[in-house]
Amino acid sequence: MSVRVRLKDVASAAGVSVAAASLVLNDRPIRMSKGKRKLIIETAKKLKYVPNQNARSLVTNTSMLLALLVPDIENYFFASLAKRIEDTCRSYGYSLIVANSDDKEKIEHELLIQLDSQDIDGLFLIPSQESVKNKAALKAEVTRMSCPVILTDRLLGIDWCDSVGSNNYSGGRQAAEILLRHGHTRIACISGDRESDTSEARKAGFVDGLSEAGFPINPELDVNGDYRFGSGYEAADSLIDKGATGVFCCNDLMALGFINRLNERGMRIPDDCSLIGYDNTLNHLGVGQNLTTFDQGIAEMAKTCSSQMMRRISELQKDARNKTWLESPVTHVLEPTVVHRGSVRNFSSTTN
């Protein structure tokens, strides 16, 4: 059985005190030559020394733990975002705890208390829809946290906490412009959860884009979905039978359901109907390779969240009273980009 290498073993091999080795390996200030500092670091690597995180926390006053609270970890977008945030956190030396609120305010409240008790250094919070509707209570929850908080993905239009998210309105508007540019006028929309601010923003942008071009959406072509495969599948028959030639789905999973039903009817995208999705989360799963969609820039969102978190943690370490994420909050709004994959074609009266 292998014996764990301890800090005193590194110090002994490098010919320095345990205190000196600890300060160097925790990147703390110490008066020491560059050569001696390099020797300590190389000795630790040679001995395969792994710091004891509990002991390290006492020295650095950090747990090196961050947390991400998501509404639904089974949602492809949130799962992909969690993976990216974990990757960027690891690059800074942090571990990430991922917790799931089931999009419920009560569960979210309980998890926030638990996470804060674990002395996490920072929290990425994707608020539940119930919390989004009750911003005053959400503000109170965030203010009570003893670590920096970044509201992630779901932009709430608030000025009391750091936020990072995508411009969903812009994405919806661009979707309308694409379908109109290809000559479509019988255009349908399958929106997501009506309680979802992100879905409503996408739909609002889409509807405004159509209206301002002189083609207000026909109510019978305006369908409420729920972000799941089944709602896209179930909406397909009605929309096609009512003459829709172009369809915008507010996420890729609903678009996949729509495609599946059309295929069962012997129809194909884009020959029989043009289609646009949203999120760009399915391609890596081997499906949706031909679906034109919008990429929210998950990698950029994760990078922006993590770099902002590092700034806030650094500011807090300099002054424990310095809650800059609340006192001088910053909002980063990322622009979605369209990924053309051939599911939109020019409208022809002979198409349907």
Protein backbone atom coordinates (compact mmCIF):
# COMPACT_ATOMS: atom_id res chain seq x y z
CA MET A 1 0.00 0.00 0.00
CA SER A 2 1.37 3.41 -0.97
CA VAL A 3 2.15 5.92 1.77
CA ARG A 4 0.72 9.42 1.41
CA VAL A 5 3.41 12.04 0.94
CA ARG A 6 3.03 14.74 3.56
CA LEU A 7 4.03 18.39 3.52
CA LYS A 8 6.84 17.72 6.00
CA ASP A 9 8.28 15.14 3.56
CA VAL A 10 8.48 17.79 0.85
CA ALA A 11 10.02 20.29 3.26
CA SER A 12 12.62 17.75 4.46
CA ALA A 13 13.60 16.77 0.90
CA ALA A 14 13.92 20.43 -0.14
CA GLY A 15 15.84 21.38 3.01
CA VAL A 16 13.35 24.03 4.18
CA SER A 17 10.90 24.44 7.03
CA VAL A 18 7.35 23.11 6.81
CA ALA A 19 6.05 26.68 7.05
CA ALA A 20 8.20 27.80 4.10
CA ALA A 21 7.09 24.85 1.96
CA SER A 22 3.46 25.55 2.82
CA LEU A 23 3.70 29.22 1.86
CA VAL A 24 5.37 28.46 -1.47
CA LEU A 25 3.01 25.64 -2.45
CA ASN A 26 -0.01 27.77 -1.55
CA ASP A 27 1.40 30.70 -3.52
CA ARG A 28 1.56 32.94 -0.45
CA PRO A 29 4.05 35.81 0.05
CA ILE A 30 7.47 34.78 1.45
CA ARG A 31 10.97 36.23 1.26
CA MET A 32 12.83 33.52 -0.62
CA SER A 33 15.07 33.26 -3.65
CA LYS A 34 13.55 32.14 -6.97
CA GLY A 35 15.91 29.18 -6.98
CA LYS A 36 14.77 27.91 -3.60
CA ARG A 37 11.10 28.46 -4.52
CA LYS A 38 11.62 26.48 -7.73
CA LEU A 39 13.31 23.67 -5.78
CA ILE A 40 10.32 23.32 -3.42
CA ILE A 41 7.86 23.17 -6.33
CA GLU A 42 9.95 20.62 -8.24
CA THR A 43 10.40 18.50 -5.12
CA ALA A 44 6.65 18.43 -4.55
CA LYS A 45 6.11 17.29 -8.15
CA LYS A 46 8.84 14.66 -7.90
CA LEU A 47 7.32 13.21 -4.74
CA LYS A 48 3.81 13.42 -6.25
CA TYR A 49 2.65 15.52 -3.32
CA VAL A 50 -1.11 16.18 -3.19
CA PRO A 51 -2.09 18.97 -0.78
CA ASN A 52 -4.53 18.19 2.01
CA GLN A 53 -7.45 20.42 1.07
CA ASN A 54 -8.61 20.93 4.67
CA ALA A 55 -5.16 22.06 5.73
CA ARG A 56 -4.81 24.20 2.64
CA SER A 57 -8.11 25.91 3.40
CA LEU A 58 -6.79 26.96 6.80
CA VAL A 59 -3.81 28.62 5.14
CA THR A 60 -5.55 30.25 2.18
CA ASN A 61 -8.94 30.86 3.82
CA THR A 62 -10.57 29.32 0.74
CA SER A 63 -12.26 25.96 0.21
CA MET A 64 -11.39 25.83 -3.52
CA LEU A 65 -15.00 24.76 -4.04
CA LEU A 66 -17.51 26.47 -6.30
CA ALA A 67 -21.14 25.46 -6.84
CA LEU A 68 -23.55 25.56 -9.75
CA LEU A 69 -27.27 25.34 -9.05
CA VAL A 70 -29.30 24.36 -12.14
CA PRO A 71 -33.08 24.00 -12.64
CA ASP A 72 -32.93 20.72 -14.58
CA ILE A 73 -29.70 18.76 -15.04
CA GLU A 74 -31.43 16.48 -17.57
CA ASN A 75 -31.90 19.45 -19.89
CA TYR A 76 -29.20 19.20 -22.57
CA PHE A 77 -28.41 22.91 -22.45
CA PHE A 78 -27.91 22.98 -18.68
CA ALA A 79 -25.89 19.75 -18.75
CA SER A 80 -23.62 21.16 -21.44
CA LEU A 81 -23.24 24.46 -19.58
CA ALA A 82 -22.40 22.60 -16.35
CA LYS A 83 -19.66 20.65 -18.16
CA ARG A 84 -18.15 23.83 -19.58
CA ILE A 85 -18.24 25.68 -16.26
CA GLU A 86 -16.63 22.70 -14.54
CA ASP A 87 -13.84 22.71 -17.15
CA THR A 88 -13.12 26.42 -16.69
CA CYS A 89 -13.26 26.17 -12.90
CA ARG A 90 -10.76 23.31 -13.00
CA SER A 91 -8.38 25.48 -15.03
CA TYR A 92 -8.35 27.88 -12.06
CA GLY A 93 -7.74 25.03 -9.60
CA TYR A 94 -11.32 24.85 -8.32
CA SER A 95 -13.68 21.90 -7.97
CA LEU A 96 -17.35 22.34 -8.85
CA ILE A 97 -20.40 21.04 -7.00
CA VAL A 98 -23.48 20.73 -9.24
CA ALA A 99 -26.93 20.69 -7.61
CA ASN A 100 -30.39 20.42 -9.15
CA SER A 101 -33.40 22.48 -7.97
CA ASP A 102 -36.02 20.79 -10.18
CA ASP A 103 -37.01 24.38 -11.06
CA LYS A 104 -38.66 24.70 -7.63
CA GLU A 105 -38.15 27.70 -5.35
CA LYS A 106 -38.47 25.61 -2.18
CA ILE A 107 -35.77 23.13 -3.23
CA GLU A 108 -33.61 25.99 -4.41
CA HIS A 109 -33.92 27.67 -0.99
CA GLU A 110 -32.88 24.47 0.81
CA LEU A 111 -29.90 23.93 -1.49
CA LEU A 112 -28.68 27.50 -1.06
CA ILE A 113 -28.59 26.99 2.72
CA GLN A 114 -26.74 23.66 2.35
CA LEU A 115 -24.21 25.04 -0.13
CA ASP A 116 -23.49 28.12 1.97
CA SER A 117 -22.87 25.87 4.99
CA GLN A 118 -20.20 24.02 2.99
CA ASP A 119 -18.13 27.22 2.79
CA ILE A 120 -18.10 27.33 -0.99
CA ASP A 121 -16.03 30.17 -2.45
CA GLY A 122 -18.64 31.15 -5.03
CA LEU A 123 -21.99 30.23 -6.55
CA PHE A 124 -23.25 30.18 -10.14
CA LEU A 125 -27.03 30.34 -9.81
CA ILE A 126 -29.51 29.60 -12.59
CA PRO A 127 -32.70 30.64 -10.77
CA SER A 128 -35.83 28.52 -10.79
CA GLN A 129 -38.78 29.90 -12.74
CA GLU A 130 -40.63 30.41 -9.46
CA SER A 131 -37.74 32.56 -8.19
CA VAL A 132 -37.65 34.49 -11.46
CA LYS A 133 -41.27 35.45 -10.84
CA ASN A 134 -40.48 36.43 -7.25
CA LYS A 135 -37.43 38.64 -7.66
CA ALA A 136 -37.71 40.25 -4.20
CA ALA A 137 -37.41 36.85 -2.49
CA LEU A 138 -34.58 35.86 -4.85
CA LYS A 139 -32.70 39.04 -4.00
CA ALA A 140 -33.04 38.26 -0.30
CA GLU A 141 -31.69 34.73 -0.88
CA VAL A 142 -28.70 35.99 -2.87
CA THR A 143 -27.92 38.76 -0.38
CA ARG A 144 -27.81 36.23 2.48
CA MET A 145 -25.08 34.18 0.77
CA SER A 146 -21.63 34.67 2.27
CA CYS A 147 -19.84 34.16 -1.06
CA PRO A 148 -19.96 35.82 -4.49
CA VAL A 149 -23.00 34.90 -6.59
CA ILE A 150 -23.34 35.14 -10.36
CA LEU A 151 -26.83 34.79 -11.81
CA THR A 152 -26.24 32.63 -14.85
CA ASP A 153 -28.11 32.15 -18.16
CA ARG A 154 -31.46 33.58 -17.11
CA LEU A 155 -31.10 37.35 -17.38
CA LEU A 156 -33.61 39.03 -15.08
CA GLY A 157 -33.07 42.69 -15.95
CA ILE A 158 -31.96 43.42 -12.39
CA ASP A 159 -29.24 45.71 -11.02
CA TRP A 160 -28.47 44.04 -7.69
CA CYS A 161 -26.24 41.08 -8.63
CA ASP A 162 -23.67 40.04 -11.22
CA SER A 163 -25.31 38.35 -14.23
CA VAL A 164 -24.14 36.50 -17.33
CA GLY A 165 -26.51 35.34 -20.07
CA SER A 166 -27.49 35.33 -23.72
CA ASN A 167 -29.62 37.81 -25.65
CA ASN A 168 -32.63 35.56 -26.29
CA TYR A 169 -34.71 38.36 -27.79
CA SER A 170 -32.07 38.98 -30.44
CA GLY A 171 -31.93 35.27 -31.32
CA GLY A 172 -35.70 35.08 -31.80
CA ARG A 173 -35.68 38.18 -33.96
CA GLN A 174 -32.91 36.81 -36.16
CA ALA A 175 -34.89 33.58 -36.63
CA ALA A 176 -37.84 35.58 -37.98
CA GLU A 177 -35.57 37.53 -40.32
CA ILE A 178 -34.07 34.33 -41.74
CA LEU A 179 -37.44 32.76 -42.54
CA LEU A 180 -38.74 36.02 -44.05
CA ARG A 181 -35.59 36.43 -46.10
CA HIS A 182 -36.25 33.01 -47.61
CA GLY A 183 -39.72 34.08 -48.71
CA HIS A 184 -41.85 32.45 -46.02
CA THR A 185 -45.01 34.17 -44.78
CA ARG A 186 -46.97 31.25 -43.25
CA ILE A 187 -44.62 31.10 -40.31
CA ALA A 188 -45.22 29.21 -37.07
CA CYS A 189 -43.63 29.30 -33.62
CA ILE A 190 -43.42 26.54 -31.01
CA SER A 191 -42.44 28.35 -27.82
CA GLY A 192 -41.07 26.81 -24.65
CA ASP A 193 -42.52 26.86 -21.16
CA ARG A 194 -44.81 29.89 -20.83
CA GLU A 195 -43.36 30.46 -17.36
CA SER A 196 -39.85 30.69 -18.82
CA ASP A 197 -38.45 34.19 -19.28
CA THR A 198 -35.89 32.88 -21.79
CA SER A 199 -38.59 31.26 -23.91
CA GLU A 200 -40.79 34.34 -23.75
CA ALA A 201 -37.86 36.55 -24.78
CA ARG A 202 -37.13 34.34 -27.81
CA LYS A 203 -40.78 34.34 -28.78
CA ALA A 204 -41.08 38.11 -28.28
CA GLY A 205 -38.11 38.74 -30.56
CA PHE A 206 -39.55 36.37 -33.15
CA VAL A 207 -43.06 37.87 -33.06
CA ASP A 208 -41.69 41.44 -33.19
CA GLY A 209 -39.50 40.55 -36.16
CA LEU A 210 -42.49 39.21 -38.07
CA SER A 211 -44.78 42.09 -37.11
CA GLU A 212 -42.34 44.82 -38.04
CA ALA A 213 -41.88 43.20 -41.45
CA GLY A 214 -45.65 43.33 -41.99
CA PHE A 215 -46.36 39.65 -41.30
CA PRO A 216 -47.84 39.36 -37.79
CA ILE A 217 -47.97 35.78 -36.59
CA ASN A 218 -51.25 33.98 -37.19
CA PRO A 219 -52.67 32.89 -33.79
CA GLU A 220 -53.37 29.40 -35.11
CA LEU A 221 -49.66 29.04 -35.91
CA ASP A 222 -48.57 30.19 -32.43
CA VAL A 223 -48.18 27.06 -30.28
CA ASN A 224 -47.06 26.71 -26.67
CA GLY A 225 -44.59 23.90 -26.06
CA ASP A 226 -42.64 22.86 -22.99
CA TYR A 227 -39.04 22.53 -24.23
CA ARG A 228 -39.47 18.74 -24.51
CA PHE A 229 -39.39 16.42 -27.52
CA GLY A 230 -43.07 15.51 -27.17
CA SER A 231 -44.41 19.05 -27.54
CA GLY A 232 -42.61 19.53 -30.86
CA TYR A 233 -43.85 16.14 -32.05
CA GLU A 234 -47.44 16.86 -31.02
CA ALA A 235 -47.52 20.32 -32.63
CA ALA A 236 -46.32 19.11 -36.03
CA ASP A 237 -49.59 17.75 -37.47
CA SER A 238 -51.60 20.86 -36.67
CA LEU A 239 -49.02 23.31 -38.01
CA ILE A 240 -48.41 21.43 -41.25
CA ASP A 241 -52.13 20.88 -41.85
CA LYS A 242 -52.71 24.62 -41.36
CA GLY A 243 -50.17 25.44 -44.06
CA ALA A 244 -47.06 26.49 -42.15
CA THR A 245 -44.04 26.57 -44.48
CA GLY A 246 -41.52 27.79 -41.92
CA VAL A 247 -41.31 26.95 -38.21
CA PHE A 248 -39.23 28.33 -35.34
CA CYS A 249 -38.83 26.05 -32.31
CA CYS A 250 -37.54 27.75 -29.15
CA ASN A 251 -35.16 24.87 -28.49
CA ASP A 252 -33.56 22.02 -30.45
CA LEU A 253 -35.32 19.22 -28.59
CA MET A 254 -38.75 20.43 -29.71
CA ALA A 255 -37.36 20.84 -33.23
CA LEU A 256 -36.21 17.22 -33.11
CA GLY A 257 -39.72 16.11 -32.13
CA PHE A 258 -41.16 18.15 -35.00
CA ILE A 259 -38.76 16.51 -37.48
CA ASN A 260 -39.59 13.06 -36.17
CA ARG A 261 -43.32 13.51 -36.76
CA LEU A 262 -42.78 14.94 -40.26
CA ASN A 263 -40.62 11.95 -41.15
CA GLU A 264 -43.42 9.62 -40.01
CA ARG A 265 -45.71 11.41 -42.45
CA GLY A 266 -43.23 10.88 -45.27
CA MET A 267 -42.18 14.52 -45.25
CA ARG A 268 -38.69 15.99 -45.05
CA ILE A 269 -36.95 19.10 -43.77
CA PRO A 270 -36.44 21.46 -45.62
CA ASP A 271 -38.17 20.13 -48.74
CA ASP A 272 -41.63 20.21 -47.17
CA CYS A 273 -41.06 22.73 -44.37
CA SER A 274 -38.21 24.98 -43.26
CA LEU A 275 -37.20 24.71 -39.60
CA ILE A 276 -35.03 26.62 -37.13
CA GLY A 277 -34.11 25.42 -33.64
CA TYR A 278 -32.32 27.02 -30.70
CA ASP A 279 -29.40 26.10 -28.38
CA ASN A 280 -27.15 24.02 -30.70
CA THR A 281 -26.95 21.21 -28.13
CA LEU A 282 -27.86 18.13 -30.18
CA ASN A 283 -25.13 17.93 -32.79
CA HIS A 284 -22.59 16.38 -30.43
CA LEU A 285 -25.13 13.64 -29.67
CA GLY A 286 -25.20 12.59 -33.31
CA VAL A 287 -28.64 14.08 -34.03
CA GLY A 288 -29.76 17.37 -35.51
CA GLN A 289 -26.74 17.54 -37.84
CA ASN A 290 -28.89 19.21 -40.51
CA LEU A 291 -30.78 21.57 -38.21
CA THR A 292 -30.20 25.30 -38.55
CA THR A 293 -30.09 26.61 -35.00
CA PHE A 294 -28.77 29.31 -32.70
CA ASP A 295 -25.68 28.83 -30.58
CA GLN A 296 -25.77 30.68 -27.26
CA GLY A 297 -22.01 30.47 -26.91
CA ILE A 298 -21.93 28.06 -23.97
CA ALA A 299 -18.12 28.02 -23.92
CA GLU A 300 -17.99 31.82 -23.85
CA MET A 301 -20.71 31.96 -21.20
CA ALA A 302 -18.76 29.55 -18.98
CA LYS A 303 -15.52 31.46 -19.54
CA THR A 304 -17.18 34.80 -18.73
CA CYS A 305 -18.84 33.40 -15.60
CA SER A 306 -15.61 31.88 -14.31
CA SER A 307 -13.38 34.89 -14.97
CA GLN A 308 -15.93 37.17 -13.29
CA MET A 309 -16.07 34.78 -10.33
CA MET A 310 -12.28 34.82 -9.97
CA ARG A 311 -12.35 38.64 -9.85
CA ARG A 312 -15.02 38.63 -7.16
CA ILE A 313 -13.23 36.01 -5.04
CA SER A 314 -10.00 38.02 -5.28
CA GLU A 315 -11.79 41.21 -4.20
CA LEU A 316 -13.39 39.41 -1.27
CA GLN A 317 -10.02 37.99 -0.14
CA LYS A 318 -8.61 41.50 -0.02
CA ASP A 319 -11.50 42.74 2.11
CA ALA A 320 -14.07 40.41 3.66
CA ARG A 321 -16.57 43.28 3.75
CA ASN A 322 -16.22 43.82 0.00
CA LYS A 323 -19.40 42.40 -1.57
CA THR A 324 -18.78 43.92 -4.98
CA TRP A 325 -21.05 41.43 -6.76
CA LEU A 326 -23.94 43.14 -4.95
CA GLU A 327 -22.61 46.67 -4.53
CA SER A 328 -21.33 47.24 -8.08
CA PRO A 329 -22.85 44.41 -10.14
CA VAL A 330 -21.93 43.79 -13.77
CA THR A 331 -24.17 42.22 -16.42
CA HIS A 332 -22.61 40.45 -19.40
CA VAL A 333 -25.01 39.91 -22.32
CA LEU A 334 -23.72 37.53 -24.99
CA GLU A 335 -25.07 37.57 -28.55
CA PRO A 336 -26.27 34.26 -30.02
CA THR A 337 -24.97 33.22 -33.43
CA VAL A 338 -26.86 31.36 -36.12
CA VAL A 339 -25.47 28.00 -37.24
CA HIS A 340 -26.66 27.32 -40.79
CA ARG A 341 -27.04 23.61 -41.50
CA GLY A 342 -29.47 23.52 -44.38
CA SER A 343 -32.89 23.16 -42.71
CA VAL A 344 -34.12 26.41 -44.26
CA ARG A 345 -34.78 26.80 -47.97
CA ASN A 346 -36.41 29.41 -50.18
CA PHE A 347 -40.18 29.17 -50.19
CA SER A 348 -41.85 27.95 -53.38
CA SER A 349 -45.58 27.68 -53.96
CA THR A 350 -44.93 24.10 -55.10
CA THR A 351 -43.16 23.15 -51.87
CA ASN A 352 -46.32 21.98 -50.08
